[in-house]
């Protein structure tokens, strides 16, 4: 019985020596990747399931949010499509939708993501 325990511990020690262990710098970089990924996921979930109270897209807060959104969509579309005119047209879609609902349909858009879709389809 003692010989089996001794052999088990020796084999465990041999296996432990074969394991590659990350150094401090690798652990720090992996931790940073996890923190950034969690922050991005949290931001995505906040946008997709946002409150219907904010933003009112025609208010100052809405304008502050729609301008960077348009710029971000332009940069992403330009990187993917390699054509700036097409990317510009794609990036202007959110702005056109807000203006169409506000001035053509006389309906104010409020909220992000699912809250926005609920307000559009439930009314």
N, C-alpha and C. Protein backbone atom coordinates (compact mmCIF):
# COMPACT_ATOMS: atom_id res chain seq x y z
N UNK A 1 0.81 -1.18 0.00
CA UNK A 1 0.00 0.00 0.00
C UNK A 1 0.87 1.27 0.00
N UNK A 2 1.90 1.29 0.85
CA UNK A 2 2.79 2.45 0.91
C UNK A 2 3.58 2.56 -0.39
N UNK A 3 3.95 1.46 -0.98
CA UNK A 3 4.68 1.48 -2.26
C UNK A 3 3.81 2.07 -3.37
N UNK A 4 2.50 1.77 -3.34
CA UNK A 4 1.59 2.32 -4.36
C UNK A 4 1.45 3.83 -4.21
N UNK A 5 1.37 4.29 -2.96
CA UNK A 5 1.25 5.73 -2.71
C UNK A 5 2.53 6.43 -3.15
N UNK A 6 3.68 5.82 -2.83
CA UNK A 6 4.97 6.40 -3.22
C UNK A 6 5.09 6.47 -4.73
N UNK A 7 4.69 5.39 -5.43
CA UNK A 7 4.74 5.38 -6.89
C UNK A 7 3.78 6.43 -7.47
N UNK A 8 2.60 6.54 -6.88
CA UNK A 8 1.63 7.53 -7.33
C UNK A 8 2.20 8.95 -7.21
N UNK A 9 2.82 9.26 -6.08
CA UNK A 9 3.39 10.58 -5.87
C UNK A 9 4.55 10.84 -6.82
N UNK A 10 5.37 9.83 -7.10
CA UNK A 10 6.48 9.99 -8.04
C UNK A 10 5.96 10.25 -9.46
N UNK A 11 4.92 9.52 -9.86
CA UNK A 11 4.35 9.72 -11.18
C UNK A 11 3.67 11.09 -11.29
N UNK A 12 3.04 11.51 -10.21
CA UNK A 12 2.43 12.84 -10.20
C UNK A 12 3.49 13.92 -10.34
N UNK A 13 4.61 13.76 -9.65
CA UNK A 13 5.70 14.73 -9.74
C UNK A 13 6.29 14.76 -11.15
N UNK A 14 6.43 13.58 -11.79
CA UNK A 14 6.94 13.53 -13.16
C UNK A 14 5.98 14.24 -14.13
N UNK A 15 4.70 14.02 -13.96
CA UNK A 15 3.71 14.68 -14.83
C UNK A 15 3.71 16.19 -14.59
N UNK A 16 3.86 16.62 -13.34
CA UNK A 16 3.88 18.03 -13.02
C UNK A 16 5.08 18.73 -13.67
N UNK A 17 6.18 18.03 -13.80
CA UNK A 17 7.36 18.61 -14.44
C UNK A 17 7.13 18.80 -15.95
N UNK A 18 6.25 18.01 -16.54
CA UNK A 18 5.96 18.14 -17.97
C UNK A 18 5.00 19.30 -18.28
N UNK A 19 4.31 19.79 -17.27
CA UNK A 19 3.33 20.85 -17.47
C UNK A 19 4.04 22.17 -17.75
N UNK A 20 3.57 22.89 -18.77
CA UNK A 20 4.14 24.21 -19.04
C UNK A 20 3.37 25.24 -18.22
N UNK A 21 4.10 26.06 -17.52
CA UNK A 21 3.51 27.06 -16.65
C UNK A 21 3.77 28.44 -17.24
N UNK A 22 2.72 29.28 -17.33
CA UNK A 22 2.92 30.62 -17.91
C UNK A 22 3.73 31.50 -16.96
N UNK A 23 4.50 32.41 -17.56
CA UNK A 23 5.23 33.34 -16.72
C UNK A 23 4.33 34.53 -16.35
N UNK A 24 4.84 35.41 -15.53
CA UNK A 24 4.04 36.52 -15.00
C UNK A 24 3.51 37.43 -16.11
N UNK A 25 4.34 37.72 -17.11
CA UNK A 25 3.94 38.62 -18.19
C UNK A 25 2.80 38.01 -19.02
N UNK A 26 2.86 36.72 -19.26
CA UNK A 26 1.80 36.04 -20.02
C UNK A 26 0.48 36.03 -19.24
N UNK A 27 0.57 35.82 -17.94
CA UNK A 27 -0.65 35.84 -17.10
C UNK A 27 -1.26 37.24 -17.10
N UNK A 28 -0.43 38.28 -17.02
CA UNK A 28 -0.94 39.65 -17.03
C UNK A 28 -1.61 39.97 -18.36
N UNK A 29 -0.99 39.57 -19.46
CA UNK A 29 -1.59 39.89 -20.76
C UNK A 29 -2.90 39.13 -20.96
N UNK A 30 -2.95 37.87 -20.54
CA UNK A 30 -4.19 37.11 -20.65
C UNK A 30 -5.29 37.69 -19.76
N UNK A 31 -4.92 38.17 -18.59
CA UNK A 31 -5.88 38.81 -17.70
C UNK A 31 -6.44 40.07 -18.33
N UNK A 32 -5.58 40.85 -18.96
CA UNK A 32 -6.02 42.07 -19.63
C UNK A 32 -6.99 41.73 -20.77
N UNK A 33 -6.71 40.68 -21.51
CA UNK A 33 -7.60 40.26 -22.60
C UNK A 33 -8.97 39.89 -22.05
N UNK A 34 -9.01 39.17 -20.94
CA UNK A 34 -10.28 38.77 -20.34
C UNK A 34 -11.06 40.00 -19.85
N UNK A 35 -10.39 40.95 -19.22
CA UNK A 35 -11.06 42.15 -18.72
C UNK A 35 -11.63 42.97 -19.88
N UNK A 36 -10.87 43.14 -20.95
CA UNK A 36 -11.36 43.90 -22.11
C UNK A 36 -12.53 43.17 -22.76
N UNK A 37 -12.44 41.86 -22.90
CA UNK A 37 -13.53 41.09 -23.50
C UNK A 37 -14.80 41.19 -22.66
N UNK A 38 -14.67 41.13 -21.35
CA UNK A 38 -15.84 41.28 -20.47
C UNK A 38 -16.44 42.67 -20.58
N UNK A 39 -15.61 43.69 -20.67
CA UNK A 39 -16.11 45.06 -20.82
C UNK A 39 -16.85 45.22 -22.15
N UNK A 40 -16.30 44.66 -23.22
CA UNK A 40 -16.96 44.74 -24.53
C UNK A 40 -18.29 44.00 -24.51
N UNK A 41 -18.33 42.84 -23.89
CA UNK A 41 -19.57 42.09 -23.80
C UNK A 41 -20.61 42.84 -22.96
N UNK A 42 -20.18 43.43 -21.88
CA UNK A 42 -21.10 44.22 -21.05
C UNK A 42 -21.65 45.41 -21.81
N UNK A 43 -20.80 46.10 -22.56
CA UNK A 43 -21.26 47.23 -23.37
C UNK A 43 -22.24 46.76 -24.44
N UNK A 44 -21.94 45.64 -25.08
CA UNK A 44 -22.84 45.10 -26.10
C UNK A 44 -24.20 44.76 -25.50
N UNK A 45 -24.22 44.09 -24.36
CA UNK A 45 -25.49 43.74 -23.74
C UNK A 45 -26.26 44.98 -23.29
N UNK A 46 -25.56 45.99 -22.81
CA UNK A 46 -26.21 47.23 -22.41
C UNK A 46 -26.86 47.90 -23.62
N UNK A 47 -26.17 47.89 -24.75
CA UNK A 47 -26.72 48.50 -25.95
C UNK A 47 -27.90 47.71 -26.51
N UNK A 48 -27.78 46.38 -26.52
CA UNK A 48 -28.81 45.55 -27.13
C UNK A 48 -30.07 45.53 -26.28
N UNK A 49 -29.95 45.52 -24.99
CA UNK A 49 -31.12 45.45 -24.13
C UNK A 49 -31.23 46.72 -23.28
N UNK A 50 -31.11 47.85 -23.93
CA UNK A 50 -31.10 49.13 -23.22
C UNK A 50 -32.47 49.58 -22.79
N UNK A 51 -32.49 50.64 -22.06
CA UNK A 51 -33.73 51.22 -21.55
C UNK A 51 -34.42 52.00 -22.66
N UNK A 52 -35.73 52.01 -22.63
CA UNK A 52 -36.48 52.79 -23.62
C UNK A 52 -36.55 54.26 -23.23
N UNK A 53 -36.05 54.60 -22.06
CA UNK A 53 -36.10 55.99 -21.61
C UNK A 53 -35.01 56.84 -22.25
N UNK A 54 -33.83 56.27 -22.42
CA UNK A 54 -32.71 57.01 -22.99
C UNK A 54 -32.08 56.21 -24.10
N UNK A 55 -31.52 56.79 -25.09
CA UNK A 55 -31.55 58.21 -25.38
C UNK A 55 -32.74 58.55 -26.25
N UNK A 56 -33.15 59.79 -26.17
CA UNK A 56 -34.08 60.32 -27.16
C UNK A 56 -33.16 60.79 -28.28
N UNK A 57 -33.23 60.16 -29.42
CA UNK A 57 -32.23 60.35 -30.47
C UNK A 57 -32.17 61.76 -31.03
N UNK A 58 -33.21 62.56 -30.83
CA UNK A 58 -33.18 63.94 -31.32
C UNK A 58 -32.74 64.93 -30.25
N UNK A 59 -32.42 64.46 -29.07
CA UNK A 59 -31.93 65.35 -28.02
C UNK A 59 -30.42 65.50 -28.14
N UNK A 60 -29.84 66.29 -27.27
CA UNK A 60 -28.39 66.48 -27.28
C UNK A 60 -27.67 65.17 -26.98
N UNK A 61 -28.19 64.39 -26.01
CA UNK A 61 -27.57 63.10 -25.68
C UNK A 61 -27.61 62.15 -26.87
N UNK A 62 -28.73 62.14 -27.58
CA UNK A 62 -28.85 61.30 -28.76
C UNK A 62 -27.88 61.71 -29.85
N UNK A 63 -27.73 63.02 -30.04
CA UNK A 63 -26.79 63.51 -31.05
C UNK A 63 -25.35 63.15 -30.67
N UNK A 64 -25.05 63.22 -29.38
CA UNK A 64 -23.70 62.86 -28.92
C UNK A 64 -23.44 61.37 -29.17
N UNK A 65 -24.48 60.55 -29.11
CA UNK A 65 -24.31 59.12 -29.35
C UNK A 65 -24.36 58.75 -30.83
N UNK A 66 -25.17 59.43 -31.62
CA UNK A 66 -25.34 59.02 -33.01
C UNK A 66 -24.14 59.43 -33.87
N UNK A 67 -23.47 60.51 -33.53
CA UNK A 67 -22.31 60.93 -34.32
C UNK A 67 -21.16 59.92 -34.20
N UNK A 68 -20.74 59.51 -32.99
CA UNK A 68 -19.70 58.49 -32.92
C UNK A 68 -20.15 57.14 -33.51
N UNK A 69 -21.45 56.83 -33.38
CA UNK A 69 -21.96 55.60 -33.97
C UNK A 69 -21.80 55.63 -35.49
N UNK A 70 -22.13 56.75 -36.10
CA UNK A 70 -21.98 56.90 -37.55
C UNK A 70 -20.52 56.79 -37.96
N UNK A 71 -19.64 57.42 -37.21
CA UNK A 71 -18.20 57.36 -37.52
C UNK A 71 -17.67 55.95 -37.36
N UNK A 72 -18.08 55.26 -36.29
CA UNK A 72 -17.62 53.88 -36.06
C UNK A 72 -18.10 52.95 -37.16
N UNK A 73 -19.36 53.09 -37.56
CA UNK A 73 -19.88 52.25 -38.63
C UNK A 73 -19.13 52.53 -39.93
N UNK A 74 -18.82 53.80 -40.19
CA UNK A 74 -18.07 54.15 -41.39
C UNK A 74 -16.69 53.49 -41.39
N UNK A 75 -15.99 53.58 -40.27
CA UNK A 75 -14.64 53.01 -40.20
C UNK A 75 -14.65 51.49 -40.35
N UNK A 76 -15.62 50.85 -39.71
CA UNK A 76 -15.72 49.38 -39.82
C UNK A 76 -16.09 48.97 -41.24
N UNK A 77 -17.08 49.66 -41.82
CA UNK A 77 -17.49 49.31 -43.19
C UNK A 77 -16.38 49.59 -44.18
N UNK A 78 -15.63 50.66 -43.99
CA UNK A 78 -14.52 50.97 -44.90
C UNK A 78 -13.42 49.93 -44.81
N UNK A 79 -13.16 49.46 -43.59
CA UNK A 79 -12.13 48.43 -43.43
C UNK A 79 -12.55 47.11 -44.07
N UNK A 80 -13.84 46.81 -44.01
CA UNK A 80 -14.32 45.55 -44.58
C UNK A 80 -14.48 45.65 -46.09
N UNK A 81 -15.08 46.73 -46.56
CA UNK A 81 -15.42 46.85 -47.98
C UNK A 81 -14.32 47.45 -48.84
N UNK A 82 -13.42 48.21 -48.26
CA UNK A 82 -12.35 48.89 -48.98
C UNK A 82 -12.89 49.94 -49.96
N UNK A 83 -14.13 50.36 -49.80
CA UNK A 83 -14.73 51.37 -50.67
C UNK A 83 -15.36 52.44 -49.78
N UNK A 84 -14.85 53.66 -49.85
CA UNK A 84 -15.30 54.68 -48.91
C UNK A 84 -16.69 55.18 -49.22
N UNK A 85 -17.11 55.21 -50.49
CA UNK A 85 -18.45 55.70 -50.82
C UNK A 85 -19.53 54.75 -50.29
N UNK A 86 -19.32 53.46 -50.48
CA UNK A 86 -20.28 52.49 -49.96
C UNK A 86 -20.30 52.52 -48.44
N UNK A 87 -19.12 52.64 -47.84
CA UNK A 87 -19.04 52.72 -46.38
C UNK A 87 -19.76 53.96 -45.86
N UNK A 88 -19.66 55.06 -46.58
CA UNK A 88 -20.34 56.28 -46.17
C UNK A 88 -21.85 56.11 -46.23
N UNK A 89 -22.34 55.48 -47.27
CA UNK A 89 -23.78 55.23 -47.37
C UNK A 89 -24.27 54.32 -46.25
N UNK A 90 -23.52 53.29 -45.96
CA UNK A 90 -23.90 52.37 -44.88
C UNK A 90 -23.90 53.09 -43.53
N UNK A 91 -22.90 53.94 -43.32
CA UNK A 91 -22.79 54.61 -42.02
C UNK A 91 -23.87 55.66 -41.81
N UNK A 92 -24.46 56.15 -42.88
CA UNK A 92 -25.51 57.17 -42.74
C UNK A 92 -26.89 56.56 -42.49
N UNK A 93 -27.01 55.24 -42.52
CA UNK A 93 -28.31 54.59 -42.30
C UNK A 93 -28.91 54.93 -40.93
N UNK A 94 -28.18 54.81 -39.80
CA UNK A 94 -28.80 55.16 -38.52
C UNK A 94 -29.28 56.61 -38.46
N UNK A 95 -28.48 57.51 -38.99
CA UNK A 95 -28.87 58.92 -39.01
C UNK A 95 -30.11 59.14 -39.87
N UNK A 96 -30.17 58.49 -41.02
CA UNK A 96 -31.34 58.62 -41.90
C UNK A 96 -32.60 58.06 -41.23
N UNK A 97 -32.46 56.95 -40.52
CA UNK A 97 -33.62 56.36 -39.84
C UNK A 97 -34.15 57.31 -38.76
N UNK A 98 -33.25 57.88 -37.97
CA UNK A 98 -33.67 58.81 -36.92
C UNK A 98 -34.37 60.01 -37.52
N UNK A 99 -33.79 60.59 -38.57
CA UNK A 99 -34.40 61.76 -39.20
C UNK A 99 -35.73 61.43 -39.85
N UNK A 100 -35.83 60.24 -40.47
CA UNK A 100 -37.08 59.84 -41.11
C UNK A 100 -38.19 59.69 -40.08
N UNK A 101 -37.90 59.01 -38.97
CA UNK A 101 -38.92 58.82 -37.95
C UNK A 101 -39.32 60.13 -37.29
N UNK A 102 -38.37 61.02 -37.09
CA UNK A 102 -38.67 62.27 -36.39
C UNK A 102 -39.42 63.26 -37.27
N UNK A 103 -38.99 63.43 -38.50
CA UNK A 103 -39.53 64.50 -39.32
C UNK A 103 -40.54 64.04 -40.37
N UNK A 104 -40.47 62.80 -40.82
CA UNK A 104 -41.42 62.31 -41.82
C UNK A 104 -42.60 61.62 -41.15
N UNK A 105 -42.31 60.74 -40.18
CA UNK A 105 -43.37 59.97 -39.54
C UNK A 105 -43.87 60.58 -38.23
N UNK A 106 -43.28 61.67 -37.80
CA UNK A 106 -43.63 62.35 -36.54
C UNK A 106 -43.68 61.39 -35.35
N UNK A 107 -42.71 60.52 -35.26
CA UNK A 107 -42.60 59.58 -34.14
C UNK A 107 -41.18 59.65 -33.62
N UNK A 108 -41.01 59.93 -32.35
CA UNK A 108 -39.68 60.06 -31.77
C UNK A 108 -39.15 58.69 -31.38
N UNK A 109 -37.92 58.41 -31.79
CA UNK A 109 -37.28 57.15 -31.43
C UNK A 109 -36.60 57.30 -30.08
N UNK A 110 -36.78 56.31 -29.24
CA UNK A 110 -36.16 56.32 -27.92
C UNK A 110 -35.55 54.95 -27.66
N UNK A 111 -34.41 54.95 -26.99
CA UNK A 111 -33.81 53.71 -26.53
C UNK A 111 -32.84 53.08 -27.49
N UNK A 112 -32.24 51.99 -27.02
CA UNK A 112 -31.28 51.21 -27.79
C UNK A 112 -31.86 49.84 -28.06
N UNK A 113 -31.32 49.17 -29.00
CA UNK A 113 -31.52 47.74 -29.22
C UNK A 113 -32.94 47.25 -29.10
N UNK A 114 -33.14 46.29 -28.21
CA UNK A 114 -34.45 45.65 -28.05
C UNK A 114 -35.50 46.64 -27.56
N UNK A 115 -35.11 47.60 -26.73
CA UNK A 115 -36.08 48.60 -26.27
C UNK A 115 -36.56 49.43 -27.46
N UNK A 116 -35.67 49.76 -28.37
CA UNK A 116 -36.04 50.51 -29.57
C UNK A 116 -36.97 49.68 -30.44
N UNK A 117 -36.65 48.40 -30.64
CA UNK A 117 -37.50 47.54 -31.45
C UNK A 117 -38.88 47.35 -30.81
N UNK A 118 -38.92 47.21 -29.47
CA UNK A 118 -40.20 47.08 -28.79
C UNK A 118 -41.05 48.32 -29.01
N UNK A 119 -40.43 49.50 -28.90
CA UNK A 119 -41.19 50.73 -29.08
C UNK A 119 -41.68 50.89 -30.51
N UNK A 120 -40.95 50.38 -31.48
CA UNK A 120 -41.38 50.48 -32.87
C UNK A 120 -42.53 49.54 -33.19
N UNK A 121 -42.45 48.30 -32.72
CA UNK A 121 -43.42 47.29 -33.14
C UNK A 121 -44.62 47.15 -32.21
N UNK A 122 -44.53 47.64 -30.99
CA UNK A 122 -45.66 47.51 -30.06
C UNK A 122 -46.65 48.65 -30.26
N UNK A 123 -46.19 49.81 -30.69
CA UNK A 123 -47.10 50.96 -30.84
C UNK A 123 -48.11 50.73 -31.90
